[in-house]
């Protein structure tokens, strides 16, 4: 079955997988039923585009955005520190 085969190459610990994202299991189940597998599937999608997908509610959109924002924060802080010439341990 093709749908199952496409999941064989996904690592169990990959934080991009919906199951490892921190989303509630109910949300993961609904997104999986809509054939989404990763948080990055929503990259570049507006809120409206996400809401047009089957099974995606405004609560799911808010949860996805919150997790993506939380994950982006440390990367942005490291980039800013690097631009300013600060080490990671300096305050």
Protein backbone atom coordinates (compact mmCIF):
# COMPACT_ATOMS: atom_id res chain seq x y z
CA UNK A 1 0.00 0.00 0.00
CA UNK A 2 1.54 3.28 -1.08
CA UNK A 3 0.30 5.39 1.85
CA UNK A 4 1.99 3.11 4.39
CA UNK A 5 5.15 2.81 2.32
CA UNK A 6 5.78 6.55 2.36
CA UNK A 7 6.11 6.47 6.16
CA UNK A 8 8.79 3.76 6.21
CA UNK A 9 11.66 6.21 5.75
CA UNK A 10 10.64 8.51 8.62
CA UNK A 11 12.82 8.37 11.72
CA UNK A 12 11.05 7.60 14.98
CA UNK A 13 12.72 10.53 16.78
CA UNK A 14 12.24 13.14 14.06
CA UNK A 15 10.76 16.22 15.79
CA UNK A 16 9.08 17.24 12.52
CA UNK A 17 6.80 14.20 12.64
CA UNK A 18 3.35 15.05 13.94
CA UNK A 19 3.59 12.31 16.58
CA UNK A 20 6.74 13.92 18.01
CA UNK A 21 5.58 17.52 17.66
CA UNK A 22 3.83 17.93 20.98
CA UNK A 23 0.40 18.25 19.39
CA UNK A 24 -2.42 16.47 21.23
CA UNK A 25 -3.06 12.94 19.93
CA UNK A 26 -6.53 13.91 18.76
CA UNK A 27 -5.05 16.62 16.53
CA UNK A 28 -2.38 14.27 15.20
CA UNK A 29 -5.05 11.71 14.34
CA UNK A 30 -7.17 14.26 12.48
CA UNK A 31 -4.14 15.58 10.57
CA UNK A 32 -3.00 12.05 9.70
CA UNK A 33 -6.48 11.29 8.36
CA UNK A 34 -6.05 14.34 6.12
CA UNK A 35 -2.73 12.80 4.93
CA UNK A 36 -0.42 15.23 6.76
CA UNK A 37 2.67 13.65 8.32
CA UNK A 38 4.96 16.49 9.35
CA UNK A 39 4.79 20.00 10.81
CA UNK A 40 6.75 21.18 7.78
CA UNK A 41 3.77 20.19 5.61
CA UNK A 42 2.28 23.49 6.80
CA UNK A 43 5.30 25.63 5.91
CA UNK A 44 4.26 28.49 3.68
CA UNK A 45 0.55 27.96 4.29
CA UNK A 46 -1.58 30.82 5.56
CA UNK A 47 -4.11 30.26 8.33
CA UNK A 48 -6.88 30.32 5.75
CA UNK A 49 -5.14 27.72 3.59
CA UNK A 50 -4.75 25.45 6.62
CA UNK A 51 -8.40 25.90 7.57
CA UNK A 52 -9.45 24.85 4.07
CA UNK A 53 -7.84 21.45 4.60
CA UNK A 54 -10.19 18.65 5.70
CA UNK A 55 -10.22 18.06 9.45
CA UNK A 56 -8.24 21.20 10.30
CA UNK A 57 -9.93 23.47 12.84
CA UNK A 58 -8.94 26.88 14.17
CA UNK A 59 -7.72 25.18 17.37
CA UNK A 60 -5.40 22.95 15.36
CA UNK A 61 -4.09 25.96 13.42
CA UNK A 62 -3.37 27.80 16.69
CA UNK A 63 -1.61 24.75 18.12
CA UNK A 64 0.54 24.30 15.01
CA UNK A 65 1.53 27.98 14.99
CA UNK A 66 2.37 27.93 18.71
CA UNK A 67 4.65 24.91 18.33
CA UNK A 68 6.35 26.33 15.23
CA UNK A 69 6.89 29.70 16.99
CA UNK A 70 8.30 27.96 20.06
CA UNK A 71 10.75 25.97 17.93
CA UNK A 72 11.80 29.02 15.91
CA UNK A 73 12.61 31.14 18.97
CA UNK A 74 15.91 29.42 19.94
CA UNK A 75 17.09 29.46 16.32
CA UNK A 76 16.36 33.19 16.04
CA UNK A 77 18.13 33.89 19.34
CA UNK A 78 21.24 31.99 18.19
CA UNK A 79 21.24 33.87 14.88
CA UNK A 80 20.93 37.22 16.64
CA UNK A 81 23.75 36.37 19.06
CA UNK A 82 25.91 35.32 16.13
CA UNK A 83 25.22 38.59 14.28
CA UNK A 84 26.09 40.58 17.40
CA UNK A 85 29.26 38.57 17.94
CA UNK A 86 28.08 37.19 21.28
CA UNK A 87 28.70 33.67 22.45
CA UNK A 88 25.78 31.49 23.46
CA UNK A 89 26.64 31.80 27.17
CA UNK A 90 26.92 35.60 27.37
CA UNK A 91 24.00 37.59 28.80
